[in-house]
Amino acid sequence: MIKKLASAEKTCKLCRSDIFSGGFILIQTRILKQTKTGFLNFINLLADIFIPIIPAIVAAGLLMALHNVLAAPHLFMKPSLIMAYPALKGFAAFINMLANAPFAFLPVLIGFSATKRFGGNPYLGGAMGMMMVSPALVSGYHVSTALANHQLPYWHFLGLPVAQAGYQGSVIPMLAVAWLLATIEKQCHKRLPEALDYTFAPLITILVTAILTFVIVGPVMRDVSDSLTAGLLWLYQTSGAFGTGVLGLFYAPLVITGLHQSFPAIETQLIANVNKTGGSFIFPIASVSNIAQGAAALAVLFLTKDKKQRGLASSASMSALLGITEPAMFGINLKLKFPFIASMIGSGVASIYLGLTHVLAVSLGSNSVLGFISIATQSIPAFLISCLISFSVSFSVTYLYGRRQEVSEILRDADRQPADNVATTN
């Protein structure tokens, strides 16, 4: 009897242990799922904010690239074009003004887009952005200099000094302010009577947001923004070619997961502070990765005899070389697997070269062979060489390995598999 009781007690302890372990694992799984979901939601949030304003940034960036072409020496001849042809000086100055305006007033664009995404009135967000870049403030580009020289003016709110600092070219401060504004506006709509809501909700929203922005949120977020920029520069300068090579190797898998949607926010921050950062190191890497995908798909064109697959490989490869990789990546390379791996290798090798030659983009644009337009003028030859490296390595590895594979049969099997799954489900 005693033995039976001891055995039963031991069994209960084991059961409790299993239940505890199972519950702990279940909690861990839920936390991981929630973390993953939260992270993906954050990525989607950034994409929703920045995708609408990318055309404006691209246009400004290409105008900046055009100004660089006009003003850069040793590009077409020893002197720059504006030095060789003085009649172009006025036009170059005009282009420079157009190029700088969207970056200087970037908080207005972000304020409109972000406030709309956060559920607030986008026009109030745009207005708040205008206030943050008011000409009455010290330009955000000169705040550090003014602080160092003790020339930054201050307001005094009940004895509290508030810096008259602008936020030209800022990204993170405006994102935080847009969320704050949308939150305050929603509370005003909830709490104010309908008769007063239309008049006083905008007033209270703007006034409270402005005070919090210049007193607390702006200065803190400026420090966060500067730290992020400094951190990215440190990472790029410290890791060098190794870091760019790793990013180039894994850029295509990042595209599959959708994590690349967060890059426009980072690139905008780097390009808006081009005088400090030199430009974006992500854009050239994205370009050679896309070219690698196109080259791998093009190699499949020479490996398969199936007319349908040849047509798909032909159109998909040209599309990828011009910056649209989805047809090549999902229609060809991932189905066969080895072209995708070959494209990763080609992108990684080319990105190492980008790191060695310090190629940076001064604007956003097409992540493709046409991307040279967005590259700093002195780095265009190195960028074109990296594109050639990416294409050559990806094409060669895909073709040489693919000659040993029954490519047409693999593609047909891949196409048949989804149909078989549907038939089985039905």
Protein backbone atom coordinates (compact mmCIF):
# COMPACT_ATOMS: atom_id res chain seq x y z
CA MET A 1 0.00 0.00 0.00
CA ILE A 2 2.80 2.40 0.90
CA LYS A 3 4.58 1.56 -2.37
CA LYS A 4 1.41 2.27 -4.34
CA LEU A 5 0.96 5.64 -2.62
CA ALA A 6 4.60 6.55 -3.29
CA SER A 7 4.19 5.55 -6.92
CA ALA A 8 1.00 7.60 -7.26
CA GLU A 9 2.67 10.64 -5.65
CA LYS A 10 5.61 10.31 -8.04
CA THR A 11 3.21 10.10 -10.99
CA CYS A 12 1.39 13.26 -9.79
CA LYS A 13 4.68 15.12 -9.49
CA LEU A 14 5.61 14.11 -13.03
CA CYS A 15 2.18 15.21 -14.26
CA ARG A 16 2.51 18.56 -12.49
CA SER A 17 6.00 18.92 -13.97
CA ASP A 18 4.73 18.13 -17.47
CA ILE A 19 1.80 20.53 -17.07
CA PHE A 20 4.13 23.27 -15.82
CA SER A 21 6.62 22.66 -18.67
CA GLY A 22 3.85 22.54 -21.24
CA GLY A 23 2.30 25.73 -19.88
CA PHE A 24 5.65 27.49 -19.87
CA ILE A 25 6.32 26.46 -23.47
CA LEU A 26 2.81 27.61 -24.44
CA ILE A 27 3.41 31.01 -22.81
CA GLN A 28 6.78 31.31 -24.56
CA THR A 29 5.16 30.48 -27.91
CA ARG A 30 2.44 33.07 -27.38
CA ILE A 31 4.99 35.74 -26.43
CA LEU A 32 7.09 34.95 -29.51
CA LYS A 33 4.00 35.10 -31.74
CA GLN A 34 2.92 38.42 -30.23
CA THR A 35 6.45 39.82 -30.60
CA LYS A 36 6.61 38.70 -34.23
CA THR A 37 3.15 40.12 -34.95
CA GLY A 38 4.03 43.41 -33.26
CA PHE A 39 7.28 43.70 -35.19
CA LEU A 40 5.58 42.97 -38.52
CA ASN A 41 2.84 45.49 -37.70
CA PHE A 42 5.54 48.09 -37.01
CA ILE A 43 7.17 47.33 -40.39
CA ASN A 44 3.80 47.66 -42.12
CA LEU A 45 3.19 50.92 -40.28
CA LEU A 46 6.44 52.42 -41.59
CA ALA A 47 5.62 51.19 -45.09
CA ASP A 48 2.16 52.80 -44.96
CA ILE A 49 3.69 56.12 -43.91
CA PHE A 50 6.64 56.29 -46.29
CA ILE A 51 5.38 54.66 -49.48
CA PRO A 52 3.00 57.59 -50.29
CA ILE A 53 5.80 60.17 -49.94
CA ILE A 54 8.50 58.20 -51.81
CA PRO A 55 7.62 59.79 -55.22
CA ALA A 56 8.34 63.25 -53.79
CA ILE A 57 11.63 62.06 -52.28
CA VAL A 58 12.61 60.28 -55.50
CA ALA A 59 11.88 63.39 -57.57
CA ALA A 60 13.93 65.55 -55.21
CA GLY A 61 16.74 63.02 -55.17
CA LEU A 62 16.95 62.80 -58.94
CA LEU A 63 17.00 66.59 -59.14
CA MET A 64 19.88 66.51 -56.65
CA ALA A 65 21.64 63.96 -58.87
CA LEU A 66 21.11 66.26 -61.89
CA HIS A 67 22.65 69.15 -59.95
CA ASN A 68 25.61 66.93 -59.07
CA VAL A 69 26.10 66.12 -62.73
CA LEU A 70 26.15 69.83 -63.57
CA ALA A 71 28.46 70.79 -60.69
CA ALA A 72 30.85 67.81 -60.46
CA PRO A 73 34.35 68.27 -61.93
CA HIS A 74 36.17 65.47 -63.78
CA LEU A 75 32.89 63.88 -64.91
CA PHE A 76 32.74 64.85 -68.58
CA MET A 77 35.82 67.06 -68.57
CA LYS A 78 38.33 68.46 -66.08
CA PRO A 79 36.15 71.44 -64.99
CA SER A 80 32.49 71.00 -64.10
CA LEU A 81 29.83 71.77 -66.68
CA ILE A 82 28.82 75.00 -64.92
CA MET A 83 32.46 76.11 -64.89
CA ALA A 84 32.92 75.26 -68.56
CA TYR A 85 29.58 76.78 -69.54
CA PRO A 86 28.76 79.69 -67.16
CA ALA A 87 25.34 80.08 -68.78
CA LEU A 88 24.30 76.92 -66.91
CA LYS A 89 24.99 78.41 -63.46
CA GLY A 90 21.54 79.92 -63.05
CA PHE A 91 19.84 76.71 -64.16
CA ALA A 92 22.01 74.67 -61.76
CA ALA A 93 21.08 76.98 -58.86
CA PHE A 94 17.40 76.62 -59.78
CA ILE A 95 17.70 72.80 -59.82
CA ASN A 96 19.51 72.88 -56.46
CA MET A 97 16.68 74.90 -54.92
CA LEU A 98 14.08 72.44 -56.21
CA ALA A 99 16.10 69.45 -54.97
CA ASN A 100 16.64 70.77 -51.44
CA ALA A 101 13.06 71.94 -50.77
CA PRO A 102 11.40 68.52 -50.19
CA PHE A 103 14.19 67.47 -47.79
CA ALA A 104 14.13 70.77 -45.90
CA PHE A 105 10.32 70.51 -45.55
CA LEU A 106 10.32 66.74 -45.04
CA PRO A 107 8.44 67.05 -41.69
CA VAL A 108 5.47 68.51 -43.61
CA LEU A 109 5.28 65.45 -45.88
CA ILE A 110 5.80 63.00 -43.02
CA GLY A 111 3.41 64.92 -40.77
CA PHE A 112 0.61 64.64 -43.34
CA SER A 113 1.19 60.96 -44.15
CA ALA A 114 1.91 59.77 -40.59
CA THR A 115 -1.00 61.63 -38.97
CA LYS A 116 -3.35 60.14 -41.56
CA ARG A 117 -2.00 56.66 -40.80
CA PHE A 118 -2.39 57.20 -37.04
CA GLY A 119 -6.03 58.17 -37.52
CA GLY A 120 -5.74 61.93 -37.11
CA ASN A 121 -6.47 64.87 -39.40
CA PRO A 122 -3.62 64.86 -41.97
CA TYR A 123 -3.93 68.61 -42.52
CA LEU A 124 -3.27 69.24 -38.83
CA GLY A 125 -0.25 66.96 -39.15
CA GLY A 126 0.99 68.93 -42.15
CA ALA A 127 0.43 72.19 -40.28
CA MET A 128 2.43 70.88 -37.31
CA GLY A 129 5.22 69.95 -39.70
CA MET A 130 5.21 73.52 -41.07
CA MET A 131 5.52 74.90 -37.54
CA MET A 132 8.52 72.66 -36.90
CA VAL A 133 10.35 74.08 -39.93
CA SER A 134 9.24 77.69 -39.53
CA PRO A 135 11.77 80.27 -40.83
CA ALA A 136 11.53 81.93 -37.38
CA LEU A 137 13.43 78.95 -35.93
CA VAL A 138 17.11 78.14 -36.23
CA SER A 139 17.41 75.70 -39.13
CA GLY A 140 17.67 72.07 -38.07
CA TYR A 141 20.83 71.81 -40.16
CA HIS A 142 22.50 74.54 -38.03
CA VAL A 143 21.26 73.64 -34.53
CA SER A 144 24.46 71.79 -33.56
CA THR A 145 26.63 74.72 -34.67
CA ALA A 146 24.42 77.22 -32.83
CA LEU A 147 24.61 75.13 -29.65
CA ALA A 148 28.38 74.79 -29.88
CA ASN A 149 28.76 78.58 -30.33
CA HIS A 150 26.17 79.37 -27.61
CA GLN A 151 24.07 81.25 -30.18
CA LEU A 152 20.85 79.23 -29.99
CA PRO A 153 17.96 81.52 -28.90
CA TYR A 154 15.40 80.39 -26.31
CA TRP A 155 11.84 81.15 -25.31
CA HIS A 156 11.01 81.19 -21.60
CA PHE A 157 7.81 79.47 -20.48
CA LEU A 158 7.31 80.34 -16.80
CA GLY A 159 11.06 80.33 -16.35
CA LEU A 160 11.57 77.14 -18.44
CA PRO A 161 14.00 77.69 -21.35
CA VAL A 162 12.71 76.24 -24.64
CA ALA A 163 15.10 76.13 -27.61
CA GLN A 164 14.00 77.86 -30.81
CA ALA A 165 15.33 74.92 -32.85
CA GLY A 166 13.89 73.80 -36.19
CA TYR A 167 13.52 70.25 -37.46
CA GLN A 168 14.41 70.54 -41.13
CA GLY A 169 15.19 67.13 -42.64
CA SER A 170 14.09 65.24 -39.52
CA VAL A 171 12.22 61.94 -39.66
CA ILE A 172 11.92 60.34 -36.20
CA PRO A 173 10.85 63.53 -34.33
CA MET A 174 8.04 64.07 -36.82
CA LEU A 175 6.85 60.48 -36.54
CA ALA A 176 6.58 60.83 -32.75
CA VAL A 177 4.86 64.22 -33.03
CA ALA A 178 2.35 62.89 -35.59
CA TRP A 179 1.39 60.04 -33.25
CA LEU A 180 1.07 62.48 -30.34
CA LEU A 181 -1.07 64.87 -32.38
CA ALA A 182 -3.41 62.12 -33.59
CA THR A 183 -3.80 60.81 -30.02
CA ILE A 184 -4.60 64.26 -28.61
CA GLU A 185 -7.03 65.00 -31.43
CA LYS A 186 -8.94 61.76 -30.82
CA GLN A 187 -9.25 62.61 -27.11
CA CYS A 188 -10.54 66.08 -27.98
CA HIS A 189 -13.22 64.65 -30.27
CA LYS A 190 -14.30 62.26 -27.51
CA ARG A 191 -14.49 64.80 -24.70
CA LEU A 192 -15.61 68.07 -26.31
CA PRO A 193 -19.30 68.78 -26.92
CA GLU A 194 -20.29 68.66 -30.58
CA ALA A 195 -21.01 72.41 -30.59
CA LEU A 196 -17.40 73.18 -29.54
CA ASP A 197 -15.62 70.29 -31.23
CA TYR A 198 -15.20 71.78 -34.72
CA THR A 199 -13.70 75.05 -33.41
CA PHE A 200 -11.73 74.07 -30.34
CA ALA A 201 -10.50 70.54 -31.14
CA PRO A 202 -7.97 71.77 -33.75
CA LEU A 203 -6.88 74.66 -31.50
CA ILE A 204 -6.30 72.47 -28.44
CA THR A 205 -4.66 69.74 -30.54
CA ILE A 206 -2.17 72.08 -32.18
CA LEU A 207 -1.40 74.11 -29.03
CA VAL A 208 -0.86 71.13 -26.72
CA THR A 209 1.11 69.22 -29.36
CA ALA A 210 3.29 72.24 -30.12
CA ILE A 211 4.13 72.84 -26.45
CA LEU A 212 4.96 69.16 -25.86
CA THR A 213 6.94 69.05 -29.11
CA PHE A 214 9.28 71.95 -28.42
CA VAL A 215 9.59 71.30 -24.68
CA ILE A 216 9.98 67.50 -24.50
CA VAL A 217 9.24 65.34 -27.54
CA GLY A 218 11.28 67.22 -30.13
CA PRO A 219 14.56 67.49 -28.20
CA VAL A 220 14.36 63.85 -27.02
CA MET A 221 13.51 62.49 -30.47
CA ARG A 222 16.23 64.66 -32.05
CA ASP A 223 18.75 62.95 -29.76
CA VAL A 224 17.28 59.53 -30.69
CA SER A 225 17.47 60.43 -34.37
CA ASP A 226 21.06 61.64 -34.09
CA SER A 227 22.00 58.49 -32.17
CA LEU A 228 20.40 56.27 -34.82
CA THR A 229 22.21 58.09 -37.61
CA ALA A 230 25.50 57.93 -35.72
CA GLY A 231 24.90 54.23 -35.01
CA LEU A 232 24.26 53.42 -38.67
CA LEU A 233 27.35 55.37 -39.71
CA TRP A 234 29.43 53.57 -37.06
CA LEU A 235 28.10 50.20 -38.22
CA TYR A 236 28.86 51.00 -41.86
CA GLN A 237 32.31 52.43 -41.13
CA THR A 238 33.23 49.67 -38.66
CA SER A 239 31.95 46.62 -40.52
CA GLY A 240 32.97 48.01 -43.92
CA ALA A 241 32.97 45.51 -46.78
CA PHE A 242 32.07 42.63 -44.45
CA GLY A 243 28.89 44.40 -43.31
CA THR A 244 27.80 45.37 -46.82
CA GLY A 245 28.57 41.83 -47.99
CA VAL A 246 26.34 40.30 -45.29
CA LEU A 247 23.49 42.73 -46.06
CA GLY A 248 23.87 42.02 -49.78
CA LEU A 249 23.85 38.27 -49.18
CA PHE A 250 20.64 38.36 -47.17
CA TYR A 251 18.83 41.26 -48.88
CA ALA A 252 16.68 38.98 -51.06
CA PRO A 253 15.50 36.87 -48.08
CA LEU A 254 14.62 40.16 -46.32
CA VAL A 255 12.45 41.04 -49.34
CA ILE A 256 10.61 37.72 -49.00
CA THR A 257 9.84 38.41 -45.33
CA GLY A 258 8.84 42.01 -46.07
CA LEU A 259 11.39 43.44 -43.63
CA HIS A 260 12.82 45.60 -46.42
CA GLN A 261 9.71 47.78 -46.08
CA SER A 262 11.41 49.48 -43.12
CA PHE A 263 14.40 50.58 -45.21
CA PRO A 264 12.81 53.69 -46.81
CA ALA A 265 12.54 55.27 -43.35
CA ILE A 266 16.22 54.57 -42.67
CA GLU A 267 17.32 55.70 -46.13
CA THR A 268 15.29 58.89 -45.88
CA GLN A 269 17.05 59.68 -42.60
CA LEU A 270 20.49 59.05 -44.14
CA ILE A 271 19.80 61.05 -47.32
CA ALA A 272 18.15 63.95 -45.48
CA ASN A 273 21.45 64.33 -43.56
CA VAL A 274 23.65 63.74 -46.60
CA ASN A 275 26.19 66.36 -45.49
CA LYS A 276 26.83 64.32 -42.36
CA THR A 277 26.27 60.77 -43.64
CA GLY A 278 27.45 61.02 -47.25
CA GLY A 279 24.29 59.22 -48.39
CA SER A 280 22.64 55.81 -48.16
CA PHE A 281 24.60 52.54 -48.35
CA ILE A 282 21.36 50.52 -48.55
CA PHE A 283 20.25 51.75 -52.00
CA PRO A 284 23.30 50.44 -53.92
CA ILE A 285 23.00 47.07 -52.16
CA ALA A 286 19.30 46.81 -53.03
CA SER A 287 20.16 47.62 -56.65
CA VAL A 288 22.80 44.89 -57.04
CA SER A 289 20.48 42.41 -55.29
CA ASN A 290 17.72 43.11 -57.82
CA ILE A 291 20.19 42.81 -60.69
CA ALA A 292 21.35 39.45 -59.30
CA GLN A 293 17.77 38.19 -59.29
CA GLY A 294 17.35 39.26 -62.91
CA ALA A 295 20.64 37.66 -63.96
CA ALA A 296 19.72 34.33 -62.34
CA ALA A 297 16.33 34.33 -64.06
CA LEU A 298 18.00 35.17 -67.37
CA ALA A 299 20.34 32.19 -66.96
CA VAL A 300 17.27 29.96 -66.61
CA LEU A 301 16.14 31.23 -70.02
CA PHE A 302 19.22 29.53 -71.53
CA LEU A 303 18.75 26.37 -69.47
CA THR A 304 15.14 25.46 -70.20
CA LYS A 305 13.60 24.39 -73.51
CA ASP A 306 10.02 24.81 -72.37
CA LYS A 307 8.49 27.70 -74.35
CA LYS A 308 6.22 28.83 -71.53
CA GLN A 309 9.06 28.90 -69.00
CA ARG A 310 11.36 30.63 -71.48
CA GLY A 311 8.78 33.37 -71.98
CA LEU A 312 8.37 33.79 -68.22
CA ALA A 313 12.13 33.82 -67.63
CA SER A 314 12.64 36.38 -70.39
CA SER A 315 10.04 38.87 -69.14
CA ALA A 316 10.80 38.30 -65.43
CA SER A 317 14.55 38.81 -65.88
CA MET A 318 14.08 42.10 -67.74
CA SER A 319 11.62 43.25 -65.09
CA ALA A 320 14.09 42.44 -62.29
CA LEU A 321 16.94 44.23 -64.04
CA LEU A 322 14.69 47.30 -64.06
CA GLY A 323 13.88 46.98 -60.34
CA ILE A 324 10.74 44.77 -60.13
CA THR A 325 11.93 41.42 -58.77
CA GLU A 326 8.73 39.63 -57.74
CA PRO A 327 8.14 37.80 -61.09
CA ALA A 328 11.75 36.58 -61.21
CA MET A 329 12.03 35.79 -57.52
CA PHE A 330 8.72 33.98 -57.00
CA GLY A 331 8.07 32.78 -60.54
CA ILE A 332 11.50 31.34 -61.35
CA ASN A 333 14.28 31.54 -58.77
CA LEU A 334 12.51 30.27 -55.65
CA LYS A 335 10.86 27.45 -57.59
CA LEU A 336 14.25 26.13 -58.71
CA LYS A 337 16.00 27.17 -55.47
CA PHE A 338 19.54 27.13 -56.89
CA PRO A 339 19.05 30.37 -58.94
CA PHE A 340 17.90 32.10 -55.77
CA ILE A 341 21.00 30.93 -53.90
CA ALA A 342 23.17 31.95 -56.87
CA SER A 343 21.60 35.42 -56.85
CA MET A 344 22.34 35.73 -53.11
CA ILE A 345 25.99 34.86 -53.81
CA GLY A 346 26.20 37.37 -56.67
CA SER A 347 24.60 40.09 -54.57
CA GLY A 348 26.93 39.35 -51.64
CA VAL A 349 30.09 39.51 -53.79
CA ALA A 350 28.98 42.74 -55.46
CA SER A 351 28.08 44.27 -52.09
CA ILE A 352 31.58 43.51 -50.77
CA TYR A 353 32.92 45.55 -53.69
CA LEU A 354 30.46 48.34 -52.85
CA GLY A 355 31.83 48.38 -49.31
CA LEU A 356 35.44 48.43 -50.49
CA THR A 357 34.78 51.36 -52.83
CA HIS A 358 32.43 53.24 -50.41
CA VAL A 359 29.60 53.66 -52.90
CA LEU A 360 26.73 55.74 -51.49
CA ALA A 361 23.46 57.02 -52.94
CA VAL A 362 22.54 60.68 -52.56
CA SER A 363 18.89 60.06 -53.47
CA LEU A 364 16.27 57.37 -53.76
CA GLY A 365 15.30 56.00 -57.15
CA SER A 366 15.01 52.80 -59.13
CA ASN A 367 16.85 49.88 -57.46
CA SER A 368 18.17 48.63 -60.79
CA VAL A 369 20.72 49.22 -63.53
CA LEU A 370 19.20 52.70 -63.75
CA GLY A 371 20.19 53.33 -60.14
CA PHE A 372 23.42 55.04 -61.18
CA ILE A 373 21.35 58.23 -61.50
CA SER A 374 20.95 58.27 -57.70
CA ILE A 375 24.61 57.51 -56.88
CA ALA A 376 27.12 60.15 -55.79
CA THR A 377 28.83 61.32 -58.99
CA GLN A 378 32.34 60.20 -58.05
CA SER A 379 31.06 56.69 -57.26
CA ILE A 380 29.12 56.02 -60.47
CA PRO A 381 31.94 53.99 -62.16
CA ALA A 382 32.32 51.80 -59.05
CA PHE A 383 28.56 51.30 -58.89
CA LEU A 384 28.41 50.19 -62.53
CA ILE A 385 31.28 47.75 -61.91
CA SER A 386 29.39 46.32 -58.92
CA CYS A 387 26.31 45.86 -61.14
CA LEU A 388 28.47 43.97 -63.65
CA ILE A 389 29.92 41.80 -60.85
CA SER A 390 26.44 41.00 -59.52
CA PHE A 391 25.15 40.09 -62.97
CA SER A 392 28.19 38.02 -63.96
CA VAL A 393 28.45 36.00 -60.74
CA SER A 394 24.71 35.29 -60.50
CA PHE A 395 24.37 34.35 -64.18
CA SER A 396 27.51 32.18 -64.17
CA VAL A 397 26.73 30.27 -60.98
CA THR A 398 23.12 29.66 -62.06
CA TYR A 399 24.08 28.53 -65.55
CA LEU A 400 26.99 26.29 -64.54
CA TYR A 401 25.02 24.58 -61.78
CA GLY A 402 21.83 24.47 -63.84
CA ARG A 403 23.47 22.54 -66.68
CA ARG A 404 23.46 19.52 -64.39
CA GLN A 405 19.76 19.89 -63.54
CA GLU A 406 16.57 19.04 -65.42
CA VAL A 407 15.35 22.63 -65.17
CA SER A 408 12.24 22.27 -67.33
CA GLU A 409 11.07 19.23 -65.38
CA ILE A 410 11.63 20.94 -62.01
CA LEU A 411 9.63 23.98 -63.09
CA ARG A 412 6.79 21.81 -64.42
CA ASP A 413 6.71 19.86 -61.15
CA ALA A 414 6.62 23.12 -59.18
CA ASP A 415 3.70 24.35 -61.28
CA ARG A 416 1.83 21.07 -60.89
CA GLN A 417 2.27 20.89 -57.11
CA PRO A 418 -0.16 23.74 -56.18
CA ALA A 419 -2.77 22.27 -58.55
CA ASP A 420 -2.37 18.83 -56.94
CA ASN A 421 -2.74 20.38 -53.48
CA VAL A 422 -5.97 22.14 -54.52
CA ALA A 423 -7.34 18.92 -56.01
CA THR A 424 -6.50 17.03 -52.80
CA THR A 425 -8.17 19.71 -50.67
CA ASN A 426 -11.31 19.66 -52.80
